[in-house]
Amino acid sequence: MHLAGSGRVIIQLSNKLVEGQILCDEKGTRVAKVMELIGPVRRPFASATPLTNNIKKYIGKSVFATEYSPDNSKKKFRRRRK
């Protein structure tokens, strides 16, 4: 993980991810959210926005993708009564 000048983190991926997926540390703490995939197809990089105020303590460490991302689920809305 690398901190870019824009404030986003750049992560080299070993598995395929989708945009909007949440990345966690080994304890399960939500660290970043993938915003876009960049680089070569075989070994892409992900540009992610930090979800924690102290992102500098995660620089250089491994992060893991969660299987379920709440951002990819459909939102439920209640219908109004007429």
C-alpha atoms as a PDB file:
ATOM      1  CA  MET A   1       0.000   0.000   0.000  1.00  0.00           C
ATOM      2  CA  HIS A   2       1.288   3.431  -0.962  1.00  0.00           C
ATOM      3  CA  LEU A   3      -0.128   6.859  -0.092  1.00  0.00           C
ATOM      4  CA  ALA A   4      -0.457   9.070  -3.170  1.00  0.00           C
ATOM      5  CA  GLY A   5      -0.227  12.841  -3.149  1.00  0.00           C
ATOM      6  CA  SER A   6      -3.969  13.106  -3.821  1.00  0.00           C
ATOM      7  CA  GLY A   7      -4.763  11.391  -0.514  1.00  0.00           C
ATOM      8  CA  ARG A   8      -5.763   8.086  -2.087  1.00  0.00           C
ATOM      9  CA  VAL A   9      -3.921   4.837  -1.464  1.00  0.00           C
ATOM     10  CA  ILE A  10      -2.482   2.717  -4.269  1.00  0.00           C
ATOM     11  CA  ILE A  11      -2.566  -1.041  -3.730  1.00  0.00           C
ATOM     12  CA  GLN A  12      -0.995  -3.735  -5.909  1.00  0.00           C
ATOM     13  CA  LEU A  13      -3.536  -6.524  -6.311  1.00  0.00           C
ATOM     14  CA  SER A  14      -3.003 -10.280  -6.326  1.00  0.00           C
ATOM     15  CA  ASN A  15      -6.680 -11.134  -6.933  1.00  0.00           C
ATOM     16  CA  LYS A  16      -9.330  -9.556  -9.107  1.00  0.00           C
ATOM     17  CA  LEU A  17     -11.481  -6.950  -7.357  1.00  0.00           C
ATOM     18  CA  VAL A  18     -14.414  -4.813  -8.375  1.00  0.00           C
ATOM     19  CA  GLU A  19     -14.898  -1.109  -7.876  1.00  0.00           C
ATOM     20  CA  GLY A  20     -16.651  -0.311  -4.617  1.00  0.00           C
ATOM     21  CA  GLN A  21     -15.208  -3.287  -2.732  1.00  0.00           C
ATOM     22  CA  ILE A  22     -14.017  -2.720   0.845  1.00  0.00           C
ATOM     23  CA  LEU A  23     -10.445  -3.578   1.906  1.00  0.00           C
ATOM     24  CA  CYS A  24      -9.706  -4.652   5.507  1.00  0.00           C
ATOM     25  CA  ASP A  25      -6.601  -5.371   7.580  1.00  0.00           C
ATOM     26  CA  GLU A  26      -5.889  -8.715   9.292  1.00  0.00           C
ATOM     27  CA  LYS A  27      -8.093  -7.733  12.260  1.00  0.00           C
ATOM     28  CA  GLY A  28     -11.091  -6.917  10.066  1.00  0.00           C
ATOM     29  CA  THR A  29     -10.848  -3.140  10.364  1.00  0.00           C
ATOM     30  CA  ARG A  30     -12.160  -1.379   7.263  1.00  0.00           C
ATOM     31  CA  VAL A  31      -9.197   0.456   5.745  1.00  0.00           C
ATOM     32  CA  ALA A  32     -10.110   1.596   2.213  1.00  0.00           C
ATOM     33  CA  LYS A  33     -12.712   1.444  -0.544  1.00  0.00           C
ATOM     34  CA  VAL A  34     -11.633   0.625  -4.122  1.00  0.00           C
ATOM     35  CA  MET A  35     -12.531   3.475  -6.482  1.00  0.00           C
ATOM     36  CA  GLU A  36     -10.825   2.431  -9.731  1.00  0.00           C
ATOM     37  CA  LEU A  37      -8.516  -0.209 -11.186  1.00  0.00           C
ATOM     38  CA  ILE A  38      -5.410   0.957 -13.037  1.00  0.00           C
ATOM     39  CA  GLY A  39      -2.337  -0.574 -14.643  1.00  0.00           C
ATOM     40  CA  PRO A  40      -1.646  -3.856 -16.464  1.00  0.00           C
ATOM     41  CA  VAL A  41      -4.322  -6.555 -16.664  1.00  0.00           C
ATOM     42  CA  ARG A  42      -2.115  -9.327 -15.267  1.00  0.00           C
ATOM     43  CA  ARG A  43      -1.153  -7.492 -12.080  1.00  0.00           C
ATOM     44  CA  PRO A  44      -3.366  -4.400 -11.703  1.00  0.00           C
ATOM     45  CA  PHE A  45      -3.290  -1.690  -9.094  1.00  0.00           C
ATOM     46  CA  ALA A  46      -6.276  -0.274  -7.247  1.00  0.00           C
ATOM     47  CA  SER A  47      -6.767   3.348  -6.357  1.00  0.00           C
ATOM     48  CA  ALA A  48      -8.750   3.504  -3.112  1.00  0.00           C
ATOM     49  CA  THR A  49     -10.063   6.155  -0.758  1.00  0.00           C
ATOM     50  CA  PRO A  50      -9.107   5.718   2.896  1.00  0.00           C
ATOM     51  CA  LEU A  51     -11.892   4.907   5.349  1.00  0.00           C
ATOM     52  CA  THR A  52      -9.811   5.678   8.433  1.00  0.00           C
ATOM     53  CA  ASN A  53      -8.240   8.900   9.666  1.00  0.00           C
ATOM     54  CA  ASN A  54      -4.907   7.244  10.484  1.00  0.00           C
ATOM     55  CA  ILE A  55      -4.125   5.648   7.098  1.00  0.00           C
ATOM     56  CA  LYS A  56      -0.370   6.142   7.534  1.00  0.00           C
ATOM     57  CA  LYS A  57      -0.133   3.237  10.002  1.00  0.00           C
ATOM     58  CA  TYR A  58      -1.361   0.847   7.263  1.00  0.00           C
ATOM     59  CA  ILE A  59       1.213   1.938   4.657  1.00  0.00           C
ATOM     60  CA  GLY A  60       3.405  -1.005   3.637  1.00  0.00           C
ATOM     61  CA  LYS A  61       1.085  -3.601   5.196  1.00  0.00           C
ATOM     62  CA  SER A  62      -1.157  -6.185   3.544  1.00  0.00           C
ATOM     63  CA  VAL A  63      -4.883  -5.637   3.205  1.00  0.00           C
ATOM     64  CA  PHE A  64      -7.593  -8.107   2.276  1.00  0.00           C
ATOM     65  CA  ALA A  65     -10.834  -7.780   0.333  1.00  0.00           C
ATOM     66  CA  THR A  66     -14.107  -8.541   2.028  1.00  0.00           C
ATOM     67  CA  GLU A  67     -16.372 -11.011   0.265  1.00  0.00           C
ATOM     68  CA  TYR A  68     -19.471  -8.936   0.913  1.00  0.00           C
ATOM     69  CA  SER A  69     -19.499  -5.245   0.279  1.00  0.00           C
ATOM     70  CA  PRO A  70     -22.476  -3.243   1.521  1.00  0.00           C
ATOM     71  CA  ASP A  71     -22.046  -0.816  -1.390  1.00  0.00           C
ATOM     72  CA  ASN A  72     -22.800  -3.534  -3.948  1.00  0.00           C
ATOM     73  CA  SER A  73     -26.096  -4.573  -2.384  1.00  0.00           C
ATOM     74  CA  LYS A  74     -29.454  -3.225  -3.437  1.00  0.00           C
ATOM     75  CA  LYS A  75     -30.975  -0.645  -1.166  1.00  0.00           C
ATOM     76  CA  LYS A  76     -34.439  -1.221   0.203  1.00  0.00           C
ATOM     77  CA  PHE A  77     -36.929   1.593   0.187  1.00  0.00           C
ATOM     78  CA  ARG A  78     -40.252   1.722   1.939  1.00  0.00           C
ATOM     79  CA  ARG A  79     -43.270   2.647  -0.089  1.00  0.00           C
ATOM     80  CA  ARG A  80     -45.305   5.631   0.948  1.00  0.00           C
ATOM     81  CA  ARG A  81     -48.929   5.179   1.750  1.00  0.00           C
ATOM     82  CA  LYS A  82     -51.258   7.168  -0.452  1.00  0.00           C
END
